[in-house]
N, C-alpha and C. Protein backbone atom coordinates (compact mmCIF):
# COMPACT_ATOMS: atom_id res chain seq x y z
N MET A 1 -17.51 -17.15 -23.85
CA MET A 1 -18.21 -17.31 -22.60
C MET A 1 -18.42 -15.93 -21.97
N PRO A 2 -19.63 -15.58 -21.61
CA PRO A 2 -19.88 -14.26 -21.04
C PRO A 2 -19.28 -14.12 -19.64
N GLU A 3 -18.91 -12.90 -19.30
CA GLU A 3 -18.37 -12.62 -17.97
C GLU A 3 -19.48 -12.04 -17.11
N TYR A 4 -19.43 -12.32 -15.82
CA TYR A 4 -20.44 -11.82 -14.90
C TYR A 4 -19.77 -10.99 -13.81
N TYR A 5 -20.38 -9.88 -13.46
CA TYR A 5 -19.85 -8.98 -12.44
C TYR A 5 -20.89 -8.81 -11.35
N SER A 6 -20.41 -8.54 -10.14
CA SER A 6 -21.32 -8.42 -9.01
C SER A 6 -22.07 -7.09 -8.99
N SER A 7 -21.57 -6.09 -9.72
CA SER A 7 -22.25 -4.80 -9.74
C SER A 7 -22.06 -4.14 -11.10
N ILE A 8 -22.91 -3.17 -11.40
CA ILE A 8 -22.79 -2.45 -12.66
C ILE A 8 -21.51 -1.62 -12.68
N GLY A 9 -21.10 -1.11 -11.51
CA GLY A 9 -19.85 -0.34 -11.44
C GLY A 9 -18.64 -1.18 -11.78
N GLU A 10 -18.63 -2.41 -11.31
CA GLU A 10 -17.52 -3.32 -11.61
C GLU A 10 -17.49 -3.64 -13.10
N ALA A 11 -18.66 -3.84 -13.70
CA ALA A 11 -18.73 -4.13 -15.13
C ALA A 11 -18.27 -2.94 -15.96
N ILE A 12 -18.68 -1.74 -15.57
CA ILE A 12 -18.27 -0.54 -16.30
C ILE A 12 -16.77 -0.32 -16.16
N GLY A 13 -16.22 -0.53 -14.97
CA GLY A 13 -14.78 -0.40 -14.77
C GLY A 13 -13.99 -1.38 -15.63
N ALA A 14 -14.47 -2.61 -15.73
CA ALA A 14 -13.80 -3.61 -16.56
C ALA A 14 -13.86 -3.21 -18.03
N ALA A 15 -15.01 -2.68 -18.46
CA ALA A 15 -15.15 -2.25 -19.85
C ALA A 15 -14.22 -1.07 -20.15
N MET A 16 -14.10 -0.15 -19.21
CA MET A 16 -13.21 1.00 -19.41
C MET A 16 -11.75 0.55 -19.48
N ARG A 17 -11.35 -0.37 -18.61
CA ARG A 17 -9.97 -0.88 -18.66
C ARG A 17 -9.71 -1.59 -19.99
N HIS A 18 -10.70 -2.34 -20.46
CA HIS A 18 -10.57 -3.04 -21.74
C HIS A 18 -10.39 -2.04 -22.88
N ASN A 19 -11.20 -0.98 -22.89
CA ASN A 19 -11.11 0.02 -23.95
C ASN A 19 -9.79 0.77 -23.91
N ILE A 20 -9.26 1.02 -22.72
CA ILE A 20 -7.96 1.68 -22.60
C ILE A 20 -6.86 0.79 -23.15
N ARG A 21 -6.94 -0.51 -22.85
CA ARG A 21 -5.94 -1.45 -23.41
C ARG A 21 -6.02 -1.47 -24.93
N LEU A 22 -7.23 -1.45 -25.49
CA LEU A 22 -7.37 -1.44 -26.94
C LEU A 22 -6.79 -0.15 -27.53
N ALA A 23 -7.04 0.97 -26.88
CA ALA A 23 -6.56 2.26 -27.39
C ALA A 23 -5.04 2.35 -27.35
N HIS A 24 -4.40 1.65 -26.42
CA HIS A 24 -2.95 1.69 -26.29
C HIS A 24 -2.29 0.49 -26.96
N GLY A 25 -2.97 -0.17 -27.84
CA GLY A 25 -2.39 -1.27 -28.59
C GLY A 25 -2.10 -2.51 -27.76
N GLY A 26 -2.87 -2.75 -26.71
CA GLY A 26 -2.69 -3.94 -25.90
C GLY A 26 -1.70 -3.78 -24.77
N ARG A 27 -0.92 -2.69 -24.78
CA ARG A 27 0.02 -2.49 -23.68
C ARG A 27 -0.62 -1.58 -22.65
N ARG A 28 -0.14 -1.66 -21.45
CA ARG A 28 -0.69 -0.82 -20.38
C ARG A 28 -0.14 0.60 -20.52
N PRO A 29 -0.99 1.59 -20.35
CA PRO A 29 -0.49 2.97 -20.43
C PRO A 29 0.41 3.29 -19.25
N SER A 30 1.41 4.13 -19.48
CA SER A 30 2.29 4.51 -18.38
C SER A 30 1.54 5.42 -17.43
N VAL A 31 2.05 5.55 -16.23
CA VAL A 31 1.35 6.32 -15.20
C VAL A 31 1.25 7.78 -15.58
N ASP A 32 2.34 8.40 -15.96
CA ASP A 32 2.34 9.81 -16.34
C ASP A 32 3.29 9.98 -17.51
N PRO A 33 2.82 9.74 -18.74
CA PRO A 33 3.72 9.80 -19.89
C PRO A 33 4.23 11.23 -20.11
N PRO A 34 5.47 11.37 -20.58
CA PRO A 34 5.98 12.70 -20.86
C PRO A 34 5.24 13.32 -22.04
N CYS A 35 5.17 14.62 -22.06
CA CYS A 35 4.44 15.34 -23.11
C CYS A 35 5.36 15.55 -24.30
N ARG A 36 5.25 14.70 -25.30
CA ARG A 36 6.08 14.81 -26.50
C ARG A 36 5.24 15.05 -27.74
N SER A 37 3.95 15.03 -27.59
CA SER A 37 3.05 15.15 -28.73
C SER A 37 2.84 16.61 -29.10
N VAL A 38 2.60 16.85 -30.39
CA VAL A 38 2.29 18.19 -30.84
C VAL A 38 0.95 18.64 -30.25
N ALA A 39 0.05 17.69 -30.04
CA ALA A 39 -1.27 18.01 -29.51
C ALA A 39 -1.24 18.38 -28.04
N CYS A 40 -0.15 18.09 -27.36
CA CYS A 40 -0.05 18.38 -25.93
C CYS A 40 0.40 19.83 -25.75
N ARG A 41 -0.38 20.60 -25.03
CA ARG A 41 -0.06 22.01 -24.83
C ARG A 41 -0.02 22.34 -23.35
N ARG A 42 0.79 23.30 -23.01
CA ARG A 42 0.83 23.80 -21.64
C ARG A 42 -0.14 24.96 -21.54
N LEU A 43 -0.96 24.97 -20.51
CA LEU A 43 -1.90 26.06 -20.31
C LEU A 43 -1.23 27.19 -19.55
N PRO A 44 -1.62 28.43 -19.84
CA PRO A 44 -1.04 29.55 -19.09
C PRO A 44 -1.54 29.52 -17.65
N PRO A 45 -0.84 30.20 -16.76
CA PRO A 45 -1.30 30.22 -15.36
C PRO A 45 -2.67 30.87 -15.25
N ILE A 46 -3.42 30.45 -14.27
CA ILE A 46 -4.77 30.98 -14.07
C ILE A 46 -4.67 32.39 -13.50
N ARG A 47 -5.44 33.29 -14.08
CA ARG A 47 -5.49 34.67 -13.59
C ARG A 47 -6.91 34.97 -13.16
N THR A 48 -7.04 35.71 -12.11
CA THR A 48 -8.38 36.08 -11.67
C THR A 48 -8.90 37.20 -12.57
N PRO A 49 -10.14 37.11 -13.03
CA PRO A 49 -10.66 38.13 -13.94
C PRO A 49 -10.87 39.48 -13.25
N PHE A 50 -11.04 39.48 -11.94
CA PHE A 50 -11.27 40.72 -11.20
C PHE A 50 -10.24 40.84 -10.09
N PRO A 51 -9.14 41.53 -10.36
CA PRO A 51 -8.13 41.66 -9.30
C PRO A 51 -8.71 42.41 -8.10
N GLY A 52 -8.32 41.97 -6.94
CA GLY A 52 -8.93 42.62 -5.80
C GLY A 52 -8.08 42.70 -4.67
């Protein structure tokens, strides 16, 4: 049965939430997961290119 939304924004938001659930294996993603992955990197502090 198709779902109906009152606005395109609501439909897009529902689609995004659905895709996030699929990407996380059906479970809800945690709010701020700890960085344990090799792909997760810390960026160096921002430096101004022209000290003044």
